[in-house]
Amino acid sequence: MVRDGLVVGGGYSAAMSNAIWDALVATPLPEVRHRAAVVDDLAEVKPVTVAGAHRLAWNDRGGQSAVWYFTDDGRVLLLTFDHESSLNLYAEEDFALQESFFEGVPEPLVALVRDRPENYESLNLTDSATGRTIHYAGGVFWYDGTHWHVSSGLAEHCRREDVDLFGESGFDYCLGVYRFGQDFTAETSVAIREEDGRYDDEKQKEADLTSVREVLIRHGR
């Protein structure tokens, strides 16, 4: 359902429904946060607090990333980035277009990534006229406490330019590791790593399985 230019529910338009988006929408927020915390730990990203929001992230060490900001009032900002996509505005140094991707997102959420120090997952684009900065993101999504939304600015750009929003934003690739709508266990996490060629032999795989199990136990599973 589209409401006030924002997208609520199963996809950013009826024609562009997406399985991972649908699964995220159907996942209770505590489970979303749990998976984000586990993946952050597995990716060895240090959780940080930004203006009262808890930041958790993932990166594939190759230029792709997902960054979550969970606020104390139950809202969430999610940024995704694929450095090889057409929505990589950092390569274009297009501050104005990047700013437009945050249109429709409540200002307190945007403030979490505006004029903030950059980090491994989120470099800054700078406005040459004012010196203001904002973190780059191919995908901008947010949760209002009840529903998930695609930012209206991103959705409008993708409609206008005929861009595959979920593919080019990095959403599909970056959220695959969270396995929304699927089992999320040590075994499934290790299976993903095995597909990525992480292990040289079965012994290395078994050692990693033990480590992943310890991470899940640390996060209450």
N, C-alpha and C. Protein backbone atom coordinates (compact mmCIF):
# COMPACT_ATOMS: atom_id res chain seq x y z
N MET A 1 0.85 -1.19 0.00
CA MET A 1 0.00 0.00 0.00
C MET A 1 0.88 1.24 0.00
N VAL A 2 0.55 2.20 -0.82
CA VAL A 2 1.28 3.46 -0.87
C VAL A 2 0.48 4.52 -0.14
N ARG A 3 1.15 5.23 0.76
CA ARG A 3 0.46 6.23 1.54
C ARG A 3 1.32 7.47 1.63
N ASP A 4 0.80 8.63 1.19
CA ASP A 4 1.53 9.89 1.23
C ASP A 4 2.90 9.79 0.56
N GLY A 5 2.93 9.04 -0.55
CA GLY A 5 4.17 8.92 -1.29
C GLY A 5 5.15 7.94 -0.69
N LEU A 6 4.80 7.33 0.45
CA LEU A 6 5.67 6.36 1.08
C LEU A 6 5.08 4.98 0.90
N VAL A 7 5.91 4.00 1.04
CA VAL A 7 5.48 2.65 0.74
C VAL A 7 5.34 1.85 2.02
N VAL A 8 4.19 1.24 2.19
CA VAL A 8 3.91 0.44 3.36
C VAL A 8 3.55 -0.96 2.91
N GLY A 9 4.16 -1.97 3.52
CA GLY A 9 3.75 -3.33 3.23
C GLY A 9 4.66 -4.03 2.25
N GLY A 10 4.08 -4.73 1.28
CA GLY A 10 4.82 -5.75 0.58
C GLY A 10 5.70 -5.34 -0.55
N GLY A 11 5.90 -4.08 -0.86
CA GLY A 11 6.82 -3.71 -1.93
C GLY A 11 6.63 -2.25 -2.25
N TYR A 12 7.57 -1.65 -3.02
CA TYR A 12 7.44 -0.22 -3.23
C TYR A 12 6.43 0.09 -4.31
N SER A 13 5.96 -0.91 -5.03
CA SER A 13 4.79 -0.77 -5.88
C SER A 13 4.27 -2.17 -6.14
N ALA A 14 3.05 -2.27 -6.56
CA ALA A 14 2.47 -3.60 -6.79
C ALA A 14 3.26 -4.36 -7.85
N ALA A 15 3.83 -3.60 -8.80
CA ALA A 15 4.56 -4.25 -9.89
C ALA A 15 5.98 -4.66 -9.49
N MET A 16 6.46 -4.13 -8.36
CA MET A 16 7.85 -4.36 -7.98
C MET A 16 7.95 -5.08 -6.64
N SER A 17 7.00 -5.94 -6.34
CA SER A 17 7.07 -6.69 -5.10
C SER A 17 8.35 -7.50 -5.07
N ASN A 18 8.90 -7.64 -3.88
CA ASN A 18 10.21 -8.26 -3.73
C ASN A 18 10.17 -9.22 -2.55
N ALA A 19 10.68 -10.43 -2.74
CA ALA A 19 10.56 -11.47 -1.72
C ALA A 19 11.27 -11.10 -0.43
N ILE A 20 12.47 -10.52 -0.53
CA ILE A 20 13.20 -10.16 0.69
C ILE A 20 12.52 -9.01 1.40
N TRP A 21 12.02 -8.04 0.63
CA TRP A 21 11.26 -6.93 1.24
C TRP A 21 10.02 -7.47 1.95
N ASP A 22 9.29 -8.35 1.29
CA ASP A 22 8.09 -8.92 1.90
C ASP A 22 8.44 -9.65 3.19
N ALA A 23 9.57 -10.36 3.20
CA ALA A 23 9.98 -11.10 4.39
C ALA A 23 10.39 -10.15 5.51
N LEU A 24 11.09 -9.07 5.18
CA LEU A 24 11.45 -8.07 6.18
C LEU A 24 10.21 -7.46 6.81
N VAL A 25 9.26 -7.08 5.96
CA VAL A 25 8.02 -6.47 6.44
C VAL A 25 7.28 -7.39 7.40
N ALA A 26 7.35 -8.70 7.14
CA ALA A 26 6.62 -9.68 7.95
C ALA A 26 7.36 -10.08 9.23
N THR A 27 8.60 -9.63 9.39
CA THR A 27 9.40 -10.02 10.55
C THR A 27 9.20 -9.05 11.70
N PRO A 28 8.85 -9.52 12.89
CA PRO A 28 8.70 -8.63 14.05
C PRO A 28 10.00 -7.87 14.33
N LEU A 29 9.88 -6.64 14.78
CA LEU A 29 11.06 -5.81 14.99
C LEU A 29 12.09 -6.44 15.94
N PRO A 30 11.68 -7.08 17.04
CA PRO A 30 12.70 -7.70 17.90
C PRO A 30 13.54 -8.74 17.16
N GLU A 31 12.93 -9.48 16.24
CA GLU A 31 13.68 -10.47 15.47
C GLU A 31 14.59 -9.78 14.45
N VAL A 32 14.13 -8.68 13.86
CA VAL A 32 14.98 -7.92 12.95
C VAL A 32 16.22 -7.44 13.69
N ARG A 33 16.00 -6.89 14.87
CA ARG A 33 17.14 -6.37 15.65
C ARG A 33 18.07 -7.50 16.10
N HIS A 34 17.50 -8.64 16.46
CA HIS A 34 18.32 -9.79 16.85
C HIS A 34 19.23 -10.22 15.70
N ARG A 35 18.65 -10.36 14.52
CA ARG A 35 19.46 -10.80 13.38
C ARG A 35 20.51 -9.75 13.02
N ALA A 36 20.13 -8.48 13.12
CA ALA A 36 21.09 -7.42 12.83
C ALA A 36 22.26 -7.47 13.81
N ALA A 37 21.98 -7.77 15.08
CA ALA A 37 23.03 -7.84 16.09
C ALA A 37 23.95 -9.04 15.86
N VAL A 38 23.36 -10.18 15.51
CA VAL A 38 24.16 -11.38 15.25
C VAL A 38 25.06 -11.17 14.03
N VAL A 39 24.49 -10.65 12.96
CA VAL A 39 25.26 -10.43 11.73
C VAL A 39 26.36 -9.41 11.96
N ASP A 40 26.06 -8.35 12.72
CA ASP A 40 27.07 -7.35 13.08
C ASP A 40 28.24 -8.02 13.80
N ASP A 41 27.93 -8.90 14.74
CA ASP A 41 28.96 -9.61 15.50
C ASP A 41 29.78 -10.52 14.58
N LEU A 42 29.09 -11.26 13.72
CA LEU A 42 29.78 -12.16 12.80
C LEU A 42 30.68 -11.41 11.82
N ALA A 43 30.25 -10.21 11.44
CA ALA A 43 31.04 -9.39 10.51
C ALA A 43 32.15 -8.62 11.22
N GLU A 44 32.19 -8.74 12.55
CA GLU A 44 33.21 -8.07 13.36
C GLU A 44 33.16 -6.55 13.21
N VAL A 45 31.93 -6.03 13.19
CA VAL A 45 31.70 -4.59 13.17
C VAL A 45 31.36 -4.16 14.59
N LYS A 46 32.00 -3.13 15.07
CA LYS A 46 31.76 -2.66 16.43
C LYS A 46 30.45 -1.89 16.50
N PRO A 47 29.49 -2.32 17.34
CA PRO A 47 28.25 -1.56 17.50
C PRO A 47 28.56 -0.21 18.14
N VAL A 48 27.87 0.83 17.70
CA VAL A 48 28.07 2.15 18.28
C VAL A 48 26.73 2.81 18.53
N THR A 49 26.73 3.81 19.40
CA THR A 49 25.54 4.61 19.66
C THR A 49 25.70 5.96 18.99
N VAL A 50 24.71 6.35 18.21
CA VAL A 50 24.72 7.63 17.50
C VAL A 50 23.47 8.40 17.89
N ALA A 51 23.66 9.47 18.65
CA ALA A 51 22.53 10.32 19.05
C ALA A 51 21.37 9.51 19.63
N GLY A 52 21.70 8.53 20.45
CA GLY A 52 20.67 7.73 21.09
C GLY A 52 20.20 6.53 20.30
N ALA A 53 20.67 6.40 19.06
CA ALA A 53 20.30 5.24 18.24
C ALA A 53 21.43 4.22 18.27
N HIS A 54 21.06 2.94 18.20
CA HIS A 54 22.04 1.86 18.22
C HIS A 54 22.34 1.47 16.78
N ARG A 55 23.61 1.60 16.39
CA ARG A 55 24.03 1.31 15.02
C ARG A 55 24.62 -0.09 14.94
N LEU A 56 24.08 -0.88 14.02
CA LEU A 56 24.58 -2.22 13.72
C LEU A 56 24.81 -2.30 12.22
N ALA A 57 25.82 -3.05 11.79
CA ALA A 57 26.14 -3.04 10.36
C ALA A 57 26.72 -4.37 9.91
N TRP A 58 26.77 -4.50 8.60
CA TRP A 58 27.40 -5.64 7.93
C TRP A 58 28.13 -5.12 6.70
N ASN A 59 29.25 -5.72 6.38
CA ASN A 59 29.90 -5.45 5.10
C ASN A 59 30.55 -6.73 4.62
N ASP A 60 30.71 -6.84 3.31
CA ASP A 60 31.30 -8.05 2.74
C ASP A 60 32.79 -7.89 2.45
N ARG A 61 33.36 -6.77 2.95
CA ARG A 61 34.78 -6.47 2.76
C ARG A 61 35.13 -6.27 1.29
N GLY A 62 34.09 -6.00 0.50
CA GLY A 62 34.32 -5.78 -0.92
C GLY A 62 33.58 -4.57 -1.47
N GLY A 63 33.00 -3.76 -0.57
CA GLY A 63 32.34 -2.54 -1.02
C GLY A 63 30.84 -2.52 -0.86
N GLN A 64 30.26 -3.61 -0.36
CA GLN A 64 28.81 -3.68 -0.16
C GLN A 64 28.53 -3.64 1.35
N SER A 65 27.42 -3.01 1.73
CA SER A 65 27.15 -2.89 3.16
C SER A 65 25.67 -2.68 3.44
N ALA A 66 25.29 -3.03 4.67
CA ALA A 66 23.97 -2.72 5.21
C ALA A 66 24.19 -2.09 6.58
N VAL A 67 23.50 -0.99 6.85
CA VAL A 67 23.66 -0.28 8.11
C VAL A 67 22.29 -0.02 8.71
N TRP A 68 22.13 -0.41 9.97
CA TRP A 68 20.86 -0.27 10.69
C TRP A 68 21.04 0.72 11.84
N TYR A 69 20.08 1.61 12.01
CA TYR A 69 20.02 2.48 13.18
C TYR A 69 18.69 2.21 13.89
N PHE A 70 18.77 1.66 15.09
CA PHE A 70 17.58 1.36 15.88
C PHE A 70 17.45 2.43 16.96
N THR A 71 16.36 3.19 16.93
CA THR A 71 16.18 4.28 17.88
C THR A 71 15.45 3.80 19.13
N ASP A 72 15.55 4.60 20.19
CA ASP A 72 14.91 4.24 21.45
C ASP A 72 13.39 4.25 21.36
N ASP A 73 12.84 5.00 20.39
CA ASP A 73 11.39 5.08 20.27
C ASP A 73 10.82 4.06 19.30
N GLY A 74 11.63 3.07 18.89
CA GLY A 74 11.12 1.97 18.08
C GLY A 74 11.15 2.18 16.59
N ARG A 75 11.85 3.22 16.13
CA ARG A 75 11.98 3.44 14.69
C ARG A 75 13.33 2.91 14.21
N VAL A 76 13.44 2.75 12.90
CA VAL A 76 14.67 2.19 12.32
C VAL A 76 14.99 2.92 11.02
N LEU A 77 16.26 3.19 10.80
CA LEU A 77 16.76 3.63 9.50
C LEU A 77 17.67 2.54 8.97
N LEU A 78 17.44 2.12 7.74
CA LEU A 78 18.26 1.09 7.09
C LEU A 78 18.86 1.65 5.81
N LEU A 79 20.18 1.59 5.69
CA LEU A 79 20.88 2.01 4.49
C LEU A 79 21.57 0.81 3.86
N THR A 80 21.48 0.68 2.54
CA THR A 80 22.21 -0.37 1.83
C THR A 80 23.06 0.28 0.76
N PHE A 81 24.13 -0.42 0.38
CA PHE A 81 25.05 0.15 -0.61
C PHE A 81 25.73 -0.95 -1.40
N ASP A 82 25.74 -0.80 -2.71
CA ASP A 82 26.45 -1.69 -3.62
C ASP A 82 27.34 -0.82 -4.50
N HIS A 83 28.64 -0.95 -4.35
CA HIS A 83 29.54 -0.01 -5.03
C HIS A 83 29.57 -0.21 -6.54
N GLU A 84 29.04 -1.33 -7.04
CA GLU A 84 29.05 -1.58 -8.49
C GLU A 84 27.72 -1.20 -9.16
N SER A 85 26.79 -0.64 -8.40
CA SER A 85 25.46 -0.39 -8.95
C SER A 85 25.33 1.03 -9.51
N SER A 86 24.25 1.24 -10.24
CA SER A 86 23.97 2.56 -10.81
C SER A 86 23.56 3.56 -9.74
N LEU A 87 23.26 3.09 -8.53
CA LEU A 87 22.87 3.97 -7.44
C LEU A 87 24.06 4.29 -6.52
N ASN A 88 25.26 4.03 -6.99
CA ASN A 88 26.47 4.42 -6.26
C ASN A 88 26.74 5.89 -6.56
N LEU A 89 26.22 6.77 -5.73
CA LEU A 89 26.36 8.21 -5.97
C LEU A 89 27.68 8.75 -5.43
N TYR A 90 28.35 7.95 -4.60
CA TYR A 90 29.67 8.37 -4.11
C TYR A 90 30.64 8.50 -5.28
N ALA A 91 30.56 7.56 -6.21
CA ALA A 91 31.43 7.61 -7.38
C ALA A 91 31.14 8.84 -8.23
N GLU A 92 29.87 9.28 -8.22
CA GLU A 92 29.47 10.45 -9.01
C GLU A 92 29.66 11.76 -8.26
N GLU A 93 29.90 11.66 -6.94
CA GLU A 93 30.03 12.84 -6.08
C GLU A 93 28.80 13.75 -6.21
N ASP A 94 27.63 13.14 -6.27
CA ASP A 94 26.38 13.88 -6.46
C ASP A 94 25.66 14.05 -5.13
N PHE A 95 26.04 15.10 -4.39
CA PHE A 95 25.47 15.33 -3.06
C PHE A 95 23.97 15.59 -3.13
N ALA A 96 23.55 16.42 -4.08
CA ALA A 96 22.13 16.79 -4.17
C ALA A 96 21.25 15.58 -4.42
N LEU A 97 21.67 14.71 -5.33
CA LEU A 97 20.87 13.52 -5.61
C LEU A 97 20.87 12.59 -4.40
N GLN A 98 22.03 12.46 -3.72
CA GLN A 98 22.06 11.62 -2.52
C GLN A 98 21.11 12.16 -1.46
N GLU A 99 21.11 13.46 -1.25
CA GLU A 99 20.17 14.08 -0.31
C GLU A 99 18.73 13.75 -0.67
N SER A 100 18.45 13.74 -1.97
CA SER A 100 17.07 13.49 -2.40
C SER A 100 16.62 12.08 -2.06
N PHE A 101 17.55 11.14 -1.92
CA PHE A 101 17.19 9.77 -1.58
C PHE A 101 16.63 9.68 -0.16
N PHE A 102 16.86 10.71 0.66
CA PHE A 102 16.36 10.72 2.03
C PHE A 102 15.02 11.46 2.15
N GLU A 103 14.48 11.94 1.02
CA GLU A 103 13.19 12.62 1.08
C GLU A 103 12.11 11.67 1.57
N GLY A 104 11.27 12.17 2.46
CA GLY A 104 10.21 11.35 3.04
C GLY A 104 10.59 10.68 4.33
N VAL A 105 11.88 10.65 4.65
CA VAL A 105 12.34 10.06 5.91
C VAL A 105 12.27 11.12 7.00
N PRO A 106 11.72 10.81 8.16
CA PRO A 106 11.64 11.80 9.24
C PRO A 106 13.02 12.39 9.56
N GLU A 107 13.06 13.68 9.79
CA GLU A 107 14.32 14.38 10.01
C GLU A 107 15.15 13.79 11.16
N PRO A 108 14.54 13.36 12.28
CA PRO A 108 15.37 12.77 13.34
C PRO A 108 16.14 11.54 12.88
N LEU A 109 15.60 10.80 11.92
CA LEU A 109 16.32 9.65 11.39
C LEU A 109 17.43 10.09 10.43
N VAL A 110 17.12 11.07 9.58
CA VAL A 110 18.14 11.57 8.64
C VAL A 110 19.30 12.19 9.42
N ALA A 111 18.99 12.82 10.55
CA ALA A 111 20.03 13.46 11.36
C ALA A 111 21.08 12.47 11.85
N LEU A 112 20.74 11.19 11.87
CA LEU A 112 21.69 10.17 12.31
C LEU A 112 22.84 9.99 11.33
N VAL A 113 22.64 10.43 10.09
CA VAL A 113 23.67 10.24 9.05
C VAL A 113 24.09 11.55 8.39
N ARG A 114 23.60 12.67 8.89
CA ARG A 114 23.97 13.97 8.35
C ARG A 114 25.00 14.63 9.26
N ASP A 115 26.08 15.13 8.65
CA ASP A 115 27.16 15.79 9.40
C ASP A 115 27.71 14.90 10.50
N ARG A 116 27.90 13.64 10.16
CA ARG A 116 28.49 12.66 11.09
C ARG A 116 29.83 12.17 10.54
N PRO A 117 30.72 11.72 11.42
CA PRO A 117 31.98 11.15 10.92
C PRO A 117 31.70 9.95 10.02
N GLU A 118 32.48 9.80 8.97
CA GLU A 118 32.29 8.64 8.11
C GLU A 118 32.94 7.42 8.74
N ASN A 119 32.59 6.25 8.22
CA ASN A 119 33.10 5.00 8.75
C ASN A 119 33.28 4.02 7.59
N TYR A 120 33.70 2.80 7.89
CA TYR A 120 34.00 1.85 6.82
C TYR A 120 32.79 1.61 5.92
N GLU A 121 31.61 1.45 6.53
CA GLU A 121 30.41 1.14 5.76
C GLU A 121 29.80 2.37 5.11
N SER A 122 30.04 3.55 5.66
CA SER A 122 29.34 4.76 5.20
C SER A 122 30.32 5.92 5.08
N LEU A 123 30.77 6.18 3.86
CA LEU A 123 31.58 7.36 3.61
C LEU A 123 30.65 8.55 3.41
N ASN A 124 31.22 9.75 3.43
CA ASN A 124 30.43 10.96 3.30
C ASN A 124 30.48 11.55 1.90
N LEU A 125 29.35 12.08 1.47
CA LEU A 125 29.29 12.99 0.34
C LEU A 125 29.17 14.40 0.90
N THR A 126 29.87 15.35 0.29
CA THR A 126 29.94 16.70 0.83
C THR A 126 29.34 17.71 -0.12
N ASP A 127 28.55 18.62 0.42
CA ASP A 127 27.99 19.73 -0.34
C ASP A 127 29.08 20.79 -0.49
N SER A 128 29.54 21.01 -1.70
CA SER A 128 30.65 21.95 -1.92
C SER A 128 30.28 23.38 -1.54
N ALA A 129 28.99 23.71 -1.55
CA ALA A 129 28.58 25.08 -1.24
C ALA A 129 28.52 25.34 0.26
N THR A 130 28.12 24.35 1.03
CA THR A 130 27.91 24.56 2.47
C THR A 130 28.88 23.78 3.35
N GLY A 131 29.51 22.75 2.79
CA GLY A 131 30.38 21.91 3.59
C GLY A 131 29.65 20.85 4.38
N ARG A 132 28.34 20.81 4.27
CA ARG A 132 27.57 19.80 4.99
C ARG A 132 27.78 18.43 4.35
N THR A 133 27.63 17.40 5.15
CA THR A 133 27.86 16.05 4.65
C THR A 133 26.67 15.14 4.93
N ILE A 134 26.62 14.05 4.19
CA ILE A 134 25.63 13.01 4.45
C ILE A 134 26.24 11.67 4.03
N HIS A 135 25.91 10.62 4.77
CA HIS A 135 26.44 9.30 4.42
C HIS A 135 25.86 8.83 3.09
N TYR A 136 26.69 8.18 2.30
CA TYR A 136 26.19 7.65 1.03
C TYR A 136 25.32 6.42 1.28
N ALA A 137 24.38 6.19 0.38
CA ALA A 137 23.52 5.01 0.44
C ALA A 137 22.82 4.85 -0.90
N GLY A 138 22.87 3.64 -1.44
CA GLY A 138 22.08 3.35 -2.64
C GLY A 138 20.64 3.08 -2.29
N GLY A 139 20.42 2.51 -1.11
CA GLY A 139 19.07 2.21 -0.64
C GLY A 139 18.79 2.89 0.68
N VAL A 140 17.63 3.52 0.80
CA VAL A 140 17.22 4.20 2.04
C VAL A 140 15.83 3.70 2.41
N PHE A 141 15.73 3.04 3.55
CA PHE A 141 14.49 2.43 4.01
C PHE A 141 14.30 2.78 5.49
N TRP A 142 13.04 2.83 5.92
CA TRP A 142 12.84 3.17 7.33
C TRP A 142 11.56 2.56 7.88
N TYR A 143 11.55 2.44 9.19
CA TYR A 143 10.44 1.81 9.92
C TYR A 143 9.89 2.84 10.89
N ASP A 144 8.57 3.07 10.84
CA ASP A 144 7.98 4.13 11.64
C ASP A 144 7.46 3.67 13.00
N GLY A 145 7.74 2.43 13.36
CA GLY A 145 7.23 1.85 14.59
C GLY A 145 6.12 0.86 14.33
N THR A 146 5.57 0.92 13.12
CA THR A 146 4.49 0.00 12.72
C THR A 146 4.73 -0.58 11.34
N HIS A 147 5.16 0.25 10.39
CA HIS A 147 5.33 -0.17 9.00
C HIS A 147 6.72 0.18 8.47
N TRP A 148 7.17 -0.64 7.53
CA TRP A 148 8.39 -0.34 6.79
C TRP A 148 8.06 0.50 5.56
N HIS A 149 9.00 1.38 5.19
CA HIS A 149 8.84 2.25 4.04
C HIS A 149 10.11 2.25 3.19
N VAL A 150 9.94 2.40 1.91
CA VAL A 150 11.02 2.83 1.02
C VAL A 150 10.95 4.35 0.99
N SER A 151 12.09 5.03 1.08
CA SER A 151 12.03 6.49 1.05
C SER A 151 11.37 6.96 -0.24
N SER A 152 10.57 8.00 -0.13
CA SER A 152 9.85 8.48 -1.31
C SER A 152 10.82 9.04 -2.35
N GLY A 153 11.93 9.64 -1.90
CA GLY A 153 12.90 10.17 -2.84
C GLY A 153 13.57 9.09 -3.67
N LEU A 154 13.94 7.98 -3.02
CA LEU A 154 14.54 6.86 -3.73
C LEU A 154 13.53 6.23 -4.68
N ALA A 155 12.31 6.01 -4.20
CA ALA A 155 11.29 5.39 -5.05
C ALA A 155 11.01 6.23 -6.29
N GLU A 156 10.93 7.55 -6.10
CA GLU A 156 10.66 8.43 -7.23
C GLU A 156 11.81 8.40 -8.24
N HIS A 157 13.04 8.43 -7.75
CA HIS A 157 14.19 8.37 -8.65
C HIS A 157 14.18 7.09 -9.46
N CYS A 158 13.90 5.97 -8.81
CA CYS A 158 13.92 4.68 -9.51
C CYS A 158 12.79 4.58 -10.53
N ARG A 159 11.63 5.15 -10.20
CA ARG A 159 10.54 5.18 -11.18
C ARG A 159 10.91 6.04 -12.38
N ARG A 160 11.46 7.20 -12.09
CA ARG A 160 11.78 8.15 -13.16
C ARG A 160 12.88 7.62 -14.08
N GLU A 161 13.88 6.97 -13.51
CA GLU A 161 15.02 6.49 -14.29
C GLU A 161 14.89 5.03 -14.70
N ASP A 162 13.77 4.40 -14.36
CA ASP A 162 13.53 2.98 -14.68
C ASP A 162 14.65 2.11 -14.12
N VAL A 163 14.92 2.29 -12.82
CA VAL A 163 15.97 1.55 -12.13
C VAL A 163 15.34 0.47 -11.26
N ASP A 164 15.94 -0.70 -11.24
CA ASP A 164 15.51 -1.79 -10.36
C ASP A 164 15.88 -1.42 -8.93
N LEU A 165 14.91 -0.94 -8.17
CA LEU A 165 15.19 -0.39 -6.85
C LEU A 165 15.86 -1.41 -5.93
N PHE A 166 15.27 -2.57 -5.78
CA PHE A 166 15.79 -3.53 -4.82
C PHE A 166 17.11 -4.15 -5.28
N GLY A 167 17.30 -4.28 -6.57
CA GLY A 167 18.56 -4.81 -7.07
C GLY A 167 19.68 -3.79 -7.04
N GLU A 168 19.45 -2.62 -7.63
CA GLU A 168 20.50 -1.61 -7.76
C GLU A 168 20.84 -0.93 -6.44
N SER A 169 19.92 -0.91 -5.50
CA SER A 169 20.20 -0.29 -4.20
C SER A 169 21.10 -1.16 -3.34
N GLY A 170 21.27 -2.41 -3.74
CA GLY A 170 22.02 -3.35 -2.92
C GLY A 170 21.16 -4.07 -1.90
N PHE A 171 19.87 -3.75 -1.87
CA PHE A 171 18.97 -4.35 -0.87
C PHE A 171 18.97 -5.87 -0.98
N ASP A 172 18.78 -6.39 -2.18
CA ASP A 172 18.71 -7.85 -2.36
C ASP A 172 19.99 -8.53 -1.88
N TYR A 173 21.11 -8.02 -2.33
CA TYR A 173 22.39 -8.66 -1.99
C TYR A 173 22.72 -8.48 -0.51
N CYS A 174 22.61 -7.26 -0.02
CA CYS A 174 23.06 -6.96 1.33
C CYS A 174 22.19 -7.59 2.42
N LEU A 175 20.91 -7.79 2.15
CA LEU A 175 20.05 -8.37 3.17
C LEU A 175 19.95 -9.88 3.09
N GLY A 176 20.60 -10.48 2.09
CA GLY A 176 20.56 -11.93 1.97
C GLY A 176 21.10 -12.63 3.19
N VAL A 177 22.14 -12.06 3.80
CA VAL A 177 22.80 -12.69 4.94
C VAL A 177 21.89 -12.76 6.17
N TYR A 178 20.85 -11.91 6.22
CA TYR A 178 19.94 -11.90 7.38
C TYR A 178 18.86 -12.97 7.28
N ARG A 179 18.67 -13.51 6.10
CA ARG A 179 17.75 -14.63 5.88
C ARG A 179 16.34 -14.36 6.44
N PHE A 180 15.82 -13.18 6.22
CA PHE A 180 14.46 -12.89 6.66
C PHE A 180 13.48 -13.83 5.97
N GLY A 181 12.57 -14.38 6.75
CA GLY A 181 11.61 -15.34 6.22
C GLY A 181 12.15 -16.75 6.11
N GLN A 182 13.38 -16.97 6.57
CA GLN A 182 14.02 -18.28 6.50
C GLN A 182 14.67 -18.61 7.85
N ASP A 183 15.08 -19.86 8.00
CA ASP A 183 15.79 -20.26 9.22
C ASP A 183 17.06 -19.44 9.37
N PHE A 184 17.35 -19.05 10.60
CA PHE A 184 18.54 -18.26 10.90
C PHE A 184 19.30 -18.99 12.01
N THR A 185 20.18 -19.88 11.61
CA THR A 185 20.91 -20.73 12.54
C THR A 185 22.39 -20.70 12.22
N ALA A 186 23.17 -21.30 13.09
CA ALA A 186 24.60 -21.40 12.83
C ALA A 186 24.85 -22.16 11.53
N GLU A 187 24.07 -23.20 11.32
CA GLU A 187 24.25 -24.02 10.12
C GLU A 187 23.95 -23.24 8.85
N THR A 188 22.88 -22.44 8.86
CA THR A 188 22.55 -21.67 7.65
C THR A 188 23.58 -20.57 7.41
N SER A 189 24.09 -19.98 8.48
CA SER A 189 25.12 -18.94 8.32
C SER A 189 26.39 -19.52 7.73
N VAL A 190 26.77 -20.69 8.21
CA VAL A 190 27.98 -21.34 7.70
C VAL A 190 27.78 -21.78 6.25
N ALA A 191 26.56 -22.20 5.92
CA ALA A 191 26.28 -22.60 4.54
C ALA A 191 26.48 -21.43 3.58
N ILE A 192 26.07 -20.23 4.00
CA ILE A 192 26.28 -19.04 3.18
C ILE A 192 27.77 -18.78 2.99
N ARG A 193 28.51 -18.90 4.08
CA ARG A 193 29.95 -18.68 4.00
C ARG A 193 30.63 -19.72 3.11
N GLU A 194 30.14 -20.95 3.17
CA GLU A 194 30.70 -22.00 2.33
C GLU A 194 30.45 -21.70 0.86
N GLU A 195 29.26 -21.20 0.54
CA GLU A 195 28.95 -20.83 -0.84
C GLU A 195 29.87 -19.72 -1.33
N ASP A 196 30.29 -18.86 -0.41
CA ASP A 196 31.19 -17.76 -0.76
C ASP A 196 32.65 -18.19 -0.83
N GLY A 197 32.90 -19.48 -0.62
CA GLY A 197 34.27 -19.98 -0.71
C GLY A 197 35.14 -19.67 0.48
N ARG A 198 34.51 -19.55 1.65
CA ARG A 198 35.24 -19.16 2.85
C ARG A 198 36.20 -20.23 3.36
N TYR A 199 35.88 -21.49 3.12
CA TYR A 199 36.63 -22.58 3.77
C TYR A 199 37.53 -23.34 2.79
N ASP A 200 38.71 -23.69 3.31
CA ASP A 200 39.65 -24.49 2.52
C ASP A 200 39.40 -25.98 2.70
N ASP A 201 38.85 -26.35 3.86
CA ASP A 201 38.61 -27.77 4.13
C ASP A 201 37.52 -27.91 5.18
N GLU A 202 37.12 -29.15 5.43
CA GLU A 202 36.03 -29.44 6.36
C GLU A 202 36.40 -29.06 7.79
N LYS A 203 37.65 -29.20 8.14
CA LYS A 203 38.09 -28.85 9.50
C LYS A 203 37.89 -27.37 9.77
N GLN A 204 38.22 -26.55 8.80
CA GLN A 204 38.04 -25.10 8.94
C GLN A 204 36.56 -24.76 9.05
N LYS A 205 35.75 -25.43 8.27
CA LYS A 205 34.31 -25.21 8.32
C LYS A 205 33.75 -25.58 9.69
N GLU A 206 34.15 -26.70 10.24
CA GLU A 206 33.65 -27.14 11.55
C GLU A 206 34.08 -26.18 12.65
N ALA A 207 35.29 -25.66 12.56
CA ALA A 207 35.77 -24.70 13.55
C ALA A 207 34.94 -23.42 13.50
N ASP A 208 34.60 -22.99 12.29
CA ASP A 208 33.79 -21.78 12.15
C ASP A 208 32.37 -22.03 12.64
N LEU A 209 31.85 -23.22 12.41
CA LEU A 209 30.51 -23.55 12.89
C LEU A 209 30.45 -23.43 14.41
N THR A 210 31.48 -23.88 15.08
CA THR A 210 31.55 -23.75 16.54
C THR A 210 31.56 -22.28 16.95
N SER A 211 32.32 -21.47 16.23
CA SER A 211 32.40 -20.04 16.54
C SER A 211 31.07 -19.34 16.33
N VAL A 212 30.38 -19.68 15.24
CA VAL A 212 29.09 -19.06 14.95
C VAL A 212 28.06 -19.47 16.01
N ARG A 213 28.10 -20.70 16.45
CA ARG A 213 27.20 -21.14 17.52
C ARG A 213 27.43 -20.33 18.79
N GLU A 214 28.69 -20.04 19.08
CA GLU A 214 29.01 -19.25 20.27
C GLU A 214 28.45 -17.83 20.15
N VAL A 215 28.49 -17.27 18.94
CA VAL A 215 27.92 -15.94 18.72
C VAL A 215 26.42 -15.96 18.96
N LEU A 216 25.74 -16.96 18.44
CA LEU A 216 24.29 -17.06 18.63
C LEU A 216 23.94 -17.22 20.11
N ILE A 217 24.71 -18.01 20.82
CA ILE A 217 24.48 -18.17 22.26
C ILE A 217 24.69 -16.84 22.97
N ARG A 218 25.69 -16.11 22.57
CA ARG A 218 25.97 -14.80 23.17
C ARG A 218 24.80 -13.84 22.98
N HIS A 219 24.07 -14.03 21.90
CA HIS A 219 22.92 -13.16 21.61
C HIS A 219 21.60 -13.81 22.01
N GLY A 220 21.67 -14.81 22.86
CA GLY A 220 20.46 -15.36 23.46
C GLY A 220 19.76 -16.43 22.68
N ARG A 221 20.46 -17.13 21.81
CA ARG A 221 19.84 -18.22 21.05
C ARG A 221 20.64 -19.51 21.22
